[in-house]
C-alpha atoms as a PDB file:
ATOM      1  CA  MET A   1      -0.062   0.187  -0.466  1.00  0.00           C
ATOM      2  CA  ILE A   2       1.870   3.654  -0.319  1.00  0.00           C
ATOM      3  CA  SER A   3       1.000   5.844   1.230  1.00  0.00           C
ATOM      4  CA  ARG A   4       0.781   9.608   0.420  1.00  0.00           C
ATOM      5  CA  GLU A   5       1.347  12.975   2.399  1.00  0.00           C
ATOM      6  CA  CYS A   6       1.655  16.396   1.203  1.00  0.00           C
ATOM      7  CA  GLU A   7       3.645  19.306   3.672  1.00  0.00           C
ATOM      8  CA  VAL A   8       2.610  23.251   3.113  1.00  0.00           C
ATOM      9  CA  ALA A   9       6.402  24.455   1.257  1.00  0.00           C
ATOM     10  CA  THR A  10       6.197  28.292   3.492  1.00  0.00           C
ATOM     11  CA  ALA A  11       9.635  29.683   2.681  1.00  0.00           C
ATOM     12  CA  ALA A  12      10.363  32.009   4.910  1.00  0.00           C
ATOM     13  CA  ILE A  13      12.872  34.029   2.787  1.00  0.00           C
ATOM     14  CA  GLU A  14      14.759  37.029   4.570  1.00  0.00           C
ATOM     15  CA  ALA A  15      16.104  40.025   2.054  1.00  0.00           C
ATOM     16  CA  VAL A  16      18.970  38.018   0.811  1.00  0.00           C
ATOM     17  CA  GLU A  17      20.357  38.479  -2.512  1.00  0.00           C
ATOM     18  CA  MET A  18      20.058  35.299  -4.418  1.00  0.00           C
ATOM     19  CA  PRO A  19      16.202  34.760  -3.174  1.00  0.00           C
ATOM     20  CA  ALA A  20      15.400  31.935  -5.712  1.00  0.00           C
ATOM     21  CA  ASP A  21      18.169  29.875  -3.479  1.00  0.00           C
ATOM     22  CA  ALA A  22      17.688  30.342  -0.818  1.00  0.00           C
ATOM     23  CA  ALA A  23      14.183  28.804  -1.389  1.00  0.00           C
ATOM     24  CA  ALA A  24      15.416  25.790  -3.518  1.00  0.00           C
ATOM     25  CA  GLU A  25      18.379  24.949   0.046  1.00  0.00           C
ATOM     26  CA  GLN A  26      14.771  25.616   2.090  1.00  0.00           C
ATOM     27  CA  LEU A  27      13.069  22.707  -0.282  1.00  0.00           C
ATOM     28  CA  GLU A  28      15.727  20.018   0.118  1.00  0.00           C
ATOM     29  CA  GLU A  29      16.133  20.576   3.535  1.00  0.00           C
ATOM     30  CA  MET A  30      12.450  19.570   3.850  1.00  0.00           C
ATOM     31  CA  ILE A  31      13.233  17.003   0.893  1.00  0.00           C
ATOM     32  CA  ASN A  32      16.060  15.862   2.762  1.00  0.00           C
ATOM     33  CA  HIS A  33      14.250  14.927   6.959  1.00  0.00           C
ATOM     34  CA  PHE A  34      10.975  13.291   5.221  1.00  0.00           C
ATOM     35  CA  ALA A  35      14.063  11.380   3.168  1.00  0.00           C
ATOM     36  CA  SER A  36      14.963  10.586   6.533  1.00  0.00           C
ATOM     37  CA  GLN A  37      11.673   9.465   7.424  1.00  0.00           C
ATOM     38  CA  GLY A  38      11.241   6.962   4.956  1.00  0.00           C
ATOM     39  CA  TRP A  39       9.312   9.436   2.069  1.00  0.00           C
ATOM     40  CA  ASP A  40      10.677   9.893  -1.085  1.00  0.00           C
ATOM     41  CA  TYR A  41       9.666  13.021  -3.266  1.00  0.00           C
ATOM     42  CA  VAL A  42       7.414  13.328  -5.431  1.00  0.00           C
ATOM     43  CA  ARG A  43       5.962  16.757  -6.521  1.00  0.00           C
ATOM     44  CA  LEU A  44       5.701  20.014  -5.805  1.00  0.00           C
ATOM     45  CA  GLU A  45       2.082  21.124  -6.412  1.00  0.00           C
ATOM     46  CA  SER A  46       0.580  24.654  -6.139  1.00  0.00           C
ATOM     47  CA  VAL A  47      -3.610  25.207  -5.665  1.00  0.00           C
ATOM     48  CA  SER A  48      -4.535  28.497  -6.356  1.00  0.00           C
ATOM     49  CA  THR A  49      -8.174  29.947  -5.204  1.00  0.00           C
ATOM     50  CA  ILE A  50      -9.877  33.609  -4.688  1.00  0.00           C
ATOM     51  CA  VAL A  51     -10.582  34.493  -1.128  1.00  0.00           C
ATOM     52  CA  THR A  52     -13.395  37.463  -1.083  1.00  0.00           C
ATOM     53  CA  ASN A  53     -14.717  39.644   1.977  1.00  0.00           C
ATOM     54  CA  PRO A  54     -17.806  40.366   1.141  1.00  0.00           C
ATOM     55  CA  GLY A  55     -17.884  44.309   2.750  1.00  0.00           C
ATOM     56  CA  ASN A  56     -20.123  45.699   4.440  1.00  0.00           C
ATOM     57  CA  ALA A  57     -22.896  48.666   3.129  1.00  0.00           C
ATOM     58  CA  GLY A  58     -22.763  50.343   6.276  1.00  0.00           C
ATOM     59  CA  CYS A  59     -25.581  52.303   8.426  1.00  0.00           C
ATOM     60  CA  ALA A  60     -27.106  54.010   5.443  1.00  0.00           C
ATOM     61  CA  GLY A  61     -24.550  54.169   3.622  1.00  0.00           C
ATOM     62  CA  PHE A  62     -21.960  55.663   6.009  1.00  0.00           C
ATOM     63  CA  GLY A  63     -19.412  53.032   6.807  1.00  0.00           C
ATOM     64  CA  ALA A  64     -19.069  51.091   3.448  1.00  0.00           C
ATOM     65  CA  VAL A  65     -16.351  49.317   3.235  1.00  0.00           C
ATOM     66  CA  PRO A  66     -16.475  47.132  -0.727  1.00  0.00           C
ATOM     67  CA  ALA A  67     -16.372  44.046  -1.232  1.00  0.00           C
ATOM     68  CA  THR A  68     -12.738  42.916  -2.665  1.00  0.00           C
ATOM     69  CA  SER A  69     -11.281  39.934  -3.441  1.00  0.00           C
ATOM     70  CA  ALA A  70      -7.594  38.311  -3.600  1.00  0.00           C
ATOM     71  CA  GLU A  71      -5.801  35.405  -5.355  1.00  0.00           C
ATOM     72  CA  THR A  72      -3.887  32.858  -2.672  1.00  0.00           C
ATOM     73  CA  ILE A  73      -1.331  30.144  -3.940  1.00  0.00           C
ATOM     74  CA  VAL A  74      -0.642  27.476  -1.511  1.00  0.00           C
ATOM     75  CA  TYR A  75       2.717  25.592  -2.695  1.00  0.00           C
ATOM     76  CA  MET A  76       2.773  21.682  -1.183  1.00  0.00           C
ATOM     77  CA  VAL A  77       5.077  19.161  -1.478  1.00  0.00           C
ATOM     78  CA  VAL A  78       3.875  15.446  -2.023  1.00  0.00           C
ATOM     79  CA  PHE A  79       5.695  12.502  -1.044  1.00  0.00           C
ATOM     80  CA  ARG A  80       5.327   8.879  -0.748  1.00  0.00           C
ATOM     81  CA  LYS A  81       6.370   5.798   0.988  1.00  0.00           C
END
């Protein structure tokens, strides 16, 4: 039986000269961590969703807040055992 596990990949990157290198290093550390526990790296997935705040009509229009939408992308690292 194949087991699968997904971990959310959140790169904590400070202001560095080569941010792509820093992200790649963090991904490599995550892969090595799970490999030491017997997991095999499968792939990196991204899931995109739209988060909507419906806003508020306020009281007779006073204090009204318009609706907003923002795209959120979550990256997941997929492993199998």
